[in-house]
C-alpha cells in the first residue's frame, strides 16, 4: 500500500500529512535521559521540560528551578 497526501500525490517518507516528522532521540540519548531523570527525581527535583533541540539534536532537560542537562546525540551529558 502506498501512502498518498490527497489528490493521489505520494507522500515523502520525511513528511506525514504535510508536517515534517520530528527527529527522535538516539538510543543512547533515550537511555541517558531516563537515567538523568531517575536520579533527579531521587533528589526530589521536579522535571518541567524534556525536549529535543531540532537544530543540534541535543535533548534538553529542565529540572527544579535551575538545573539544566543537555544530552548530545552521542550520549555525552552536560550539566549547566
PDB file of N, CA and C in Angstrom:
ATOM      1  N   UNK A   1       0.843  -1.176   0.000  1.00  0.00           N
ATOM      2  CA  UNK A   1       0.000   0.000   0.000  1.00  0.00           C
ATOM      3  C   UNK A   1       0.887   1.239   0.000  1.00  0.00           C
ATOM      4  N   UNK A   2       0.595   2.179  -0.867  1.00  0.00           N
ATOM      5  CA  UNK A   2       1.371   3.397  -0.990  1.00  0.00           C
ATOM      6  C   UNK A   2       0.614   4.536  -0.316  1.00  0.00           C
ATOM      7  N   UNK A   3       1.319   5.289   0.568  1.00  0.00           N
ATOM      8  CA  UNK A   3       0.688   6.431   1.221  1.00  0.00           C
ATOM      9  C   UNK A   3       0.591   7.598   0.255  1.00  0.00           C
ATOM     10  N   UNK A   4      -0.564   8.256   0.268  1.00  0.00           N
ATOM     11  CA  UNK A   4      -0.734   9.424  -0.589  1.00  0.00           C
ATOM     12  C   UNK A   4      -1.215  10.592   0.253  1.00  0.00           C
ATOM     13  N   UNK A   5      -0.844  11.782  -0.159  1.00  0.00           N
ATOM     14  CA  UNK A   5      -1.224  13.008   0.549  1.00  0.00           C
ATOM     15  C   UNK A   5      -2.273  13.744  -0.254  1.00  0.00           C
ATOM     16  N   UNK A   6      -3.454  13.190  -0.390  1.00  0.00           N
ATOM     17  CA  UNK A   6      -4.541  13.849  -1.114  1.00  0.00           C
ATOM     18  C   UNK A   6      -4.225  13.982  -2.595  1.00  0.00           C
ATOM     19  N   UNK A   7      -5.213  14.022  -3.426  1.00  0.00           N
ATOM     20  CA  UNK A   7      -5.082  14.195  -4.873  1.00  0.00           C
ATOM     21  C   UNK A   7      -4.173  13.138  -5.486  1.00  0.00           C
ATOM     22  N   UNK A   8      -3.947  12.011  -4.772  1.00  0.00           N
ATOM     23  CA  UNK A   8      -3.157  10.915  -5.313  1.00  0.00           C
ATOM     24  C   UNK A   8      -1.662  11.150  -5.353  1.00  0.00           C
ATOM     25  N   UNK A   9      -1.179  12.241  -4.733  1.00  0.00           N
ATOM     26  CA  UNK A   9       0.263  12.511  -4.726  1.00  0.00           C
ATOM     27  C   UNK A   9       0.935  11.640  -3.674  1.00  0.00           C
ATOM     28  N   UNK A  10       2.062  10.985  -3.996  1.00  0.00           N
ATOM     29  CA  UNK A  10       2.746  10.163  -2.999  1.00  0.00           C
ATOM     30  C   UNK A  10       3.368  11.037  -1.905  1.00  0.00           C
ATOM     31  N   UNK A  11       3.336  10.530  -0.661  1.00  0.00           N
ATOM     32  CA  UNK A  11       3.915  11.271   0.459  1.00  0.00           C
ATOM     33  C   UNK A  11       5.390  10.936   0.590  1.00  0.00           C
ATOM     34  N   UNK A  12       6.150  11.929   0.963  1.00  0.00           N
ATOM     35  CA  UNK A  12       7.562  11.734   1.241  1.00  0.00           C
ATOM     36  C   UNK A  12       7.699  10.973   2.554  1.00  0.00           C
ATOM     37  N   UNK A  13       8.769  10.206   2.696  1.00  0.00           N
ATOM     38  CA  UNK A  13       8.999   9.461   3.927  1.00  0.00           C
ATOM     39  C   UNK A  13       9.260  10.401   5.096  1.00  0.00           C
ATOM     40  N   UNK A  14       9.749  11.615   4.817  1.00  0.00           N
ATOM     41  CA  UNK A  14      10.073  12.563   5.874  1.00  0.00           C
ATOM     42  C   UNK A  14       8.879  13.412   6.269  1.00  0.00           C
ATOM     43  N   UNK A  15       7.730  13.242   5.629  1.00  0.00           N
ATOM     44  CA  UNK A  15       6.559  14.045   5.927  1.00  0.00           C
ATOM     45  C   UNK A  15       5.357  13.145   6.147  1.00  0.00           C
ATOM     46  N   UNK A  16       4.495  13.556   7.028  1.00  0.00           N
ATOM     47  CA  UNK A  16       3.272  12.826   7.297  1.00  0.00           C
ATOM     48  C   UNK A  16       2.151  13.847   7.397  1.00  0.00           C
ATOM     49  N   UNK A  17       1.228  13.811   6.481  1.00  0.00           N
ATOM     50  CA  UNK A  17       0.124  14.758   6.498  1.00  0.00           C
ATOM     51  C   UNK A  17       0.564  16.191   6.253  1.00  0.00           C
ATOM     52  N   UNK A  18       1.648  16.382   5.501  1.00  0.00           N
ATOM     53  CA  UNK A  18       2.131  17.725   5.202  1.00  0.00           C
ATOM     54  C   UNK A  18       3.002  18.326   6.293  1.00  0.00           C
ATOM     55  N   UNK A  19       3.172  17.608   7.409  1.00  0.00           N
ATOM     56  CA  UNK A  19       4.001  18.103   8.506  1.00  0.00           C
ATOM     57  C   UNK A  19       5.263  17.249   8.589  1.00  0.00           C
ATOM     58  N   UNK A  20       6.428  17.873   8.866  1.00  0.00           N
ATOM     59  CA  UNK A  20       7.647  17.061   8.986  1.00  0.00           C
ATOM     60  C   UNK A  20       7.587  16.173  10.221  1.00  0.00           C
ATOM     61  N   UNK A  21       8.111  14.967  10.105  1.00  0.00           N
ATOM     62  CA  UNK A  21       8.181  14.050  11.237  1.00  0.00           C
ATOM     63  C   UNK A  21       9.345  14.503  12.121  1.00  0.00           C
ATOM     64  N   UNK A  22       9.102  14.734  13.416  1.00  0.00           N
ATOM     65  CA  UNK A  22      10.189  15.200  14.278  1.00  0.00           C
ATOM     66  C   UNK A  22      11.259  14.124  14.438  1.00  0.00           C
ATOM     67  N   UNK A  23      12.495  14.577  14.604  1.00  0.00           N
ATOM     68  CA  UNK A  23      13.603  13.647  14.824  1.00  0.00           C
ATOM     69  C   UNK A  23      13.420  12.984  16.180  1.00  0.00           C
ATOM     70  N   UNK A  24      13.798  11.738  16.276  1.00  0.00           N
ATOM     71  CA  UNK A  24      13.709  11.012  17.532  1.00  0.00           C
ATOM     72  C   UNK A  24      15.081  10.967  18.184  1.00  0.00           C
ATOM     73  N   UNK A  25      15.114  10.892  19.519  1.00  0.00           N
ATOM     74  CA  UNK A  25      16.404  10.772  20.189  1.00  0.00           C
ATOM     75  C   UNK A  25      17.073   9.446  19.841  1.00  0.00           C
ATOM     76  N   UNK A  26      18.386   9.429  19.894  1.00  0.00           N
ATOM     77  CA  UNK A  26      19.120   8.186  19.665  1.00  0.00           C
ATOM     78  C   UNK A  26      18.881   7.258  20.856  1.00  0.00           C
ATOM     79  N   UNK A  27      19.235   5.986  20.702  1.00  0.00           N
ATOM     80  CA  UNK A  27      19.068   5.034  21.806  1.00  0.00           C
ATOM     81  C   UNK A  27      19.892   5.439  23.017  1.00  0.00           C
ATOM     82  N   UNK A  28      21.101   5.949  22.771  1.00  0.00           N
ATOM     83  CA  UNK A  28      21.967   6.381  23.866  1.00  0.00           C
ATOM     84  C   UNK A  28      21.348   7.585  24.582  1.00  0.00           C
ATOM     85  N   UNK A  29      20.784   8.521  23.815  1.00  0.00           N
ATOM     86  CA  UNK A  29      20.137   9.685  24.423  1.00  0.00           C
ATOM     87  C   UNK A  29      18.931   9.261  25.256  1.00  0.00           C
ATOM     88  N   UNK A  30      18.138   8.339  24.731  1.00  0.00           N
ATOM     89  CA  UNK A  30      16.948   7.892  25.454  1.00  0.00           C
ATOM     90  C   UNK A  30      17.334   7.226  26.778  1.00  0.00           C
ATOM     91  N   UNK A  31      18.341   6.372  26.755  1.00  0.00           N
ATOM     92  CA  UNK A  31      18.787   5.712  27.979  1.00  0.00           C
ATOM     93  C   UNK A  31      19.343   6.725  28.972  1.00  0.00           C
ATOM     94  N   UNK A  32      20.200   7.630  28.503  1.00  0.00           N
ATOM     95  CA  UNK A  32      20.771   8.638  29.388  1.00  0.00           C
ATOM     96  C   UNK A  32      19.704   9.589  29.926  1.00  0.00           C
ATOM     97  N   UNK A  33      18.696   9.912  29.128  1.00  0.00           N
ATOM     98  CA  UNK A  33      17.598  10.764  29.596  1.00  0.00           C
ATOM     99  C   UNK A  33      16.868  10.093  30.745  1.00  0.00           C
ATOM    100  N   UNK A  34      16.603   8.796  30.601  1.00  0.00           N
ATOM    101  CA  UNK A  34      15.936   8.054  31.671  1.00  0.00           C
ATOM    102  C   UNK A  34      16.788   8.055  32.938  1.00  0.00           C
ATOM    103  N   UNK A  35      18.082   7.780  32.793  1.00  0.00           N
ATOM    104  CA  UNK A  35      18.972   7.724  33.957  1.00  0.00           C
ATOM    105  C   UNK A  35      19.042   9.081  34.649  1.00  0.00           C
ATOM    106  N   UNK A  36      19.180  10.159  33.870  1.00  0.00           N
ATOM    107  CA  UNK A  36      19.253  11.506  34.446  1.00  0.00           C
ATOM    108  C   UNK A  36      17.949  11.846  35.169  1.00  0.00           C
ATOM    109  N   UNK A  37      16.812  11.594  34.517  1.00  0.00           N
ATOM    110  CA  UNK A  37      15.513  11.900  35.141  1.00  0.00           C
ATOM    111  C   UNK A  37      15.305  11.074  36.408  1.00  0.00           C
ATOM    112  N   UNK A  38      15.705   9.818  36.388  1.00  0.00           N
ATOM    113  CA  UNK A  38      15.597   8.959  37.564  1.00  0.00           C
ATOM    114  C   UNK A  38      16.403   9.547  38.722  1.00  0.00           C
ATOM    115  N   UNK A  39      17.646   9.932  38.446  1.00  0.00           N
ATOM    116  CA  UNK A  39      18.499  10.482  39.500  1.00  0.00           C
ATOM    117  C   UNK A  39      18.004  11.846  39.989  1.00  0.00           C
ATOM    118  N   UNK A  40      17.469  12.661  39.096  1.00  0.00           N
ATOM    119  CA  UNK A  40      16.944  13.966  39.513  1.00  0.00           C
ATOM    120  C   UNK A  40      15.719  13.807  40.417  1.00  0.00           C
ATOM    121  N   UNK A  41      14.862  12.848  40.110  1.00  0.00           N
ATOM    122  CA  UNK A  41      13.683  12.648  40.959  1.00  0.00           C
ATOM    123  C   UNK A  41      14.058  12.020  42.297  1.00  0.00           C
ATOM    124  N   UNK A  42      15.167  11.272  42.356  1.00  0.00           N
ATOM    125  CA  UNK A  42      15.642  10.770  43.646  1.00  0.00           C
ATOM    126  C   UNK A  42      16.068  11.930  44.549  1.00  0.00           C
ATOM    127  N   UNK A  43      16.446  13.057  43.939  1.00  0.00           N
ATOM    128  CA  UNK A  43      16.797  14.271  44.688  1.00  0.00           C
ATOM    129  C   UNK A  43      15.572  15.147  44.937  1.00  0.00           C
ATOM    130  N   UNK A  44      14.387  14.639  44.608  1.00  0.00           N
ATOM    131  CA  UNK A  44      13.111  15.347  44.769  1.00  0.00           C
ATOM    132  C   UNK A  44      13.035  16.627  43.951  1.00  0.00           C
ATOM    133  N   UNK A  45      13.683  16.629  42.786  1.00  0.00           N
ATOM    134  CA  UNK A  45      13.574  17.762  41.873  1.00  0.00           C
ATOM    135  C   UNK A  45      12.475  17.476  40.861  1.00  0.00           C
ATOM    136  N   UNK A  46      11.529  18.398  40.701  1.00  0.00           N
ATOM    137  CA  UNK A  46      10.505  18.191  39.672  1.00  0.00           C
ATOM    138  C   UNK A  46      11.108  18.402  38.287  1.00  0.00           C
ATOM    139  N   UNK A  47      10.658  17.634  37.323  1.00  0.00           N
ATOM    140  CA  UNK A  47      11.130  17.774  35.949  1.00  0.00           C
ATOM    141  C   UNK A  47      10.058  18.523  35.173  1.00  0.00           C
ATOM    142  N   UNK A  48      10.422  19.689  34.648  1.00  0.00           N
ATOM    143  CA  UNK A  48       9.454  20.546  33.974  1.00  0.00           C
ATOM    144  C   UNK A  48       9.429  20.353  32.463  1.00  0.00           C
ATOM    145  N   UNK A  49      10.605  20.199  31.849  1.00  0.00           N
ATOM    146  CA  UNK A  49      10.661  20.112  30.385  1.00  0.00           C
ATOM    147  C   UNK A  49      11.673  19.048  29.968  1.00  0.00           C
ATOM    148  N   UNK A  50      11.265  18.229  29.012  1.00  0.00           N
ATOM    149  CA  UNK A  50      12.197  17.354  28.290  1.00  0.00           C
ATOM    150  C   UNK A  50      11.899  17.596  26.819  1.00  0.00           C
ATOM    151  N   UNK A  51      12.891  18.099  26.097  1.00  0.00           N
ATOM    152  CA  UNK A  51      12.667  18.500  24.705  1.00  0.00           C
ATOM    153  C   UNK A  51      13.928  18.253  23.902  1.00  0.00           C
ATOM    154  N   UNK A  52      13.759  17.903  22.634  1.00  0.00           N
ATOM    155  CA  UNK A  52      14.912  17.727  21.752  1.00  0.00           C
ATOM    156  C   UNK A  52      15.070  18.969  20.888  1.00  0.00           C
ATOM    157  N   UNK A  53      16.271  19.533  20.907  1.00  0.00           N
ATOM    158  CA  UNK A  53      16.583  20.700  20.076  1.00  0.00           C
ATOM    159  C   UNK A  53      16.636  20.237  18.626  1.00  0.00           C
ATOM    160  N   UNK A  54      15.797  20.808  17.787  1.00  0.00           N
ATOM    161  CA  UNK A  54      15.715  20.384  16.386  1.00  0.00           C
ATOM    162  C   UNK A  54      16.954  20.766  15.589  1.00  0.00           C
ATOM    163  N   UNK A  55      17.662  21.803  16.027  1.00  0.00           N
ATOM    164  CA  UNK A  55      18.851  22.244  15.290  1.00  0.00           C
ATOM    165  C   UNK A  55      20.065  21.372  15.584  1.00  0.00           C
ATOM    166  N   UNK A  56      20.293  21.070  16.871  1.00  0.00           N
ATOM    167  CA  UNK A  56      21.511  20.351  17.254  1.00  0.00           C
ATOM    168  C   UNK A  56      21.271  18.873  17.529  1.00  0.00           C
ATOM    169  N   UNK A  57      20.032  18.481  17.804  1.00  0.00           N
ATOM    170  CA  UNK A  57      19.724  17.103  18.151  1.00  0.00           C
ATOM    171  C   UNK A  57      19.921  16.800  19.622  1.00  0.00           C
ATOM    172  N   UNK A  58      20.348  17.808  20.425  1.00  0.00           N
ATOM    173  CA  UNK A  58      20.540  17.609  21.857  1.00  0.00           C
ATOM    174  C   UNK A  58      19.198  17.463  22.560  1.00  0.00           C
ATOM    175  N   UNK A  59      19.165  16.622  23.599  1.00  0.00           N
ATOM    176  CA  UNK A  59      17.993  16.521  24.467  1.00  0.00           C
ATOM    177  C   UNK A  59      18.211  17.502  25.608  1.00  0.00           C
ATOM    178  N   UNK A  60      17.208  18.347  25.873  1.00  0.00           N
ATOM    179  CA  UNK A  60      17.252  19.390  26.890  1.00  0.00           C
ATOM    180  C   UNK A  60      16.327  18.969  28.026  1.00  0.00           C
ATOM    181  N   UNK A  61      16.848  18.964  29.258  1.00  0.00           N
ATOM    182  CA  UNK A  61      16.044  18.636  30.429  1.00  0.00           C
ATOM    183  C   UNK A  61      16.148  19.792  31.411  1.00  0.00           C
ATOM    184  N   UNK A  62      14.989  20.310  31.841  1.00  0.00           N
ATOM    185  CA  UNK A  62      14.925  21.353  32.859  1.00  0.00           C
ATOM    186  C   UNK A  62      14.281  20.757  34.093  1.00  0.00           C
ATOM    187  N   UNK A  63      15.031  20.735  35.198  1.00  0.00           N
ATOM    188  CA  UNK A  63      14.524  20.179  36.452  1.00  0.00           C
ATOM    189  C   UNK A  63      14.727  21.198  37.561  1.00  0.00           C
ATOM    190  N   UNK A  64      13.773  21.254  38.474  1.00  0.00           N
ATOM    191  CA  UNK A  64      13.860  22.225  39.554  1.00  0.00           C
ATOM    192  C   UNK A  64      13.835  23.634  38.998  1.00  0.00           C
ATOM    193  N   UNK A  65      14.392  24.561  39.735  1.00  0.00           N
ATOM    194  CA  UNK A  65      14.384  25.959  39.296  1.00  0.00           C
ATOM    195  C   UNK A  65      15.527  26.308  38.366  1.00  0.00           C
ATOM    196  N   UNK A  66      16.639  25.588  38.476  1.00  0.00           N
ATOM    197  CA  UNK A  66      17.796  25.997  37.681  1.00  0.00           C
ATOM    198  C   UNK A  66      18.691  24.865  37.209  1.00  0.00           C
ATOM    199  N   UNK A  67      18.265  23.645  37.306  1.00  0.00           N
ATOM    200  CA  UNK A  67      19.074  22.522  36.860  1.00  0.00           C
ATOM    201  C   UNK A  67      18.757  22.223  35.400  1.00  0.00           C
ATOM    202  N   UNK A  68      19.775  22.372  34.544  1.00  0.00           N
ATOM    203  CA  UNK A  68      19.623  22.124  33.109  1.00  0.00           C
ATOM    204  C   UNK A  68      20.623  21.049  32.710  1.00  0.00           C
ATOM    205  N   UNK A  69      20.142  20.065  31.965  1.00  0.00           N
ATOM    206  CA  UNK A  69      21.004  18.992  31.472  1.00  0.00           C
ATOM    207  C   UNK A  69      20.839  18.918  29.961  1.00  0.00           C
ATOM    208  N   UNK A  70      21.950  18.892  29.242  1.00  0.00           N
ATOM    209  CA  UNK A  70      21.949  18.678  27.801  1.00  0.00           C
ATOM    210  C   UNK A  70      22.592  17.330  27.520  1.00  0.00           C
ATOM    211  N   UNK A  71      21.922  16.532  26.688  1.00  0.00           N
ATOM    212  CA  UNK A  71      22.464  15.229  26.310  1.00  0.00           C
ATOM    213  C   UNK A  71      22.649  15.234  24.798  1.00  0.00           C
ATOM    214  N   UNK A  72      23.903  15.138  24.357  1.00  0.00           N
ATOM    215  CA  UNK A  72      24.217  15.180  22.927  1.00  0.00           C
ATOM    216  C   UNK A  72      23.827  13.850  22.272  1.00  0.00           C
ATOM    217  N   UNK A  73      23.733  13.823  20.940  1.00  0.00           N
ATOM    218  CA  UNK A  73      23.367  12.583  20.243  1.00  0.00           C
ATOM    219  C   UNK A  73      24.297  11.401  20.524  1.00  0.00           C
ATOM    220  N   UNK A  74      25.553  11.671  20.919  1.00  0.00           N
ATOM    221  CA  UNK A  74      26.459  10.566  21.232  1.00  0.00           C
ATOM    222  C   UNK A  74      26.365  10.153  22.700  1.00  0.00           C
ATOM    223  N   UNK A  75      25.455  10.788  23.476  1.00  0.00           N
ATOM    224  CA  UNK A  75      25.216  10.394  24.862  1.00  0.00           C
ATOM    225  C   UNK A  75      25.958  11.204  25.897  1.00  0.00           C
ATOM    226  N   UNK A  76      26.772  12.143  25.481  1.00  0.00           N
ATOM    227  CA  UNK A  76      27.520  12.969  26.427  1.00  0.00           C
ATOM    228  C   UNK A  76      26.567  13.863  27.198  1.00  0.00           C
ATOM    229  N   UNK A  77      26.678  13.862  28.534  1.00  0.00           N
ATOM    230  CA  UNK A  77      25.807  14.672  29.391  1.00  0.00           C
ATOM    231  C   UNK A  77      26.551  15.906  29.863  1.00  0.00           C
ATOM    232  N   UNK A  78      25.875  17.056  29.794  1.00  0.00           N
ATOM    233  CA  UNK A  78      26.439  18.313  30.307  1.00  0.00           C
ATOM    234  C   UNK A  78      25.424  18.931  31.256  1.00  0.00           C
ATOM    235  N   UNK A  79      25.851  19.185  32.489  1.00  0.00           N
ATOM    236  CA  UNK A  79      25.010  19.861  33.469  1.00  0.00           C
ATOM    237  C   UNK A  79      25.366  21.347  33.437  1.00  0.00           C
ATOM    238  N   UNK A  80      24.367  22.189  33.201  1.00  0.00           N
ATOM    239  CA  UNK A  80      24.598  23.630  33.126  1.00  0.00           C
ATOM    240  C   UNK A  80      24.062  24.321  34.359  1.00  0.00           C
TER     241      UNK A  80
END
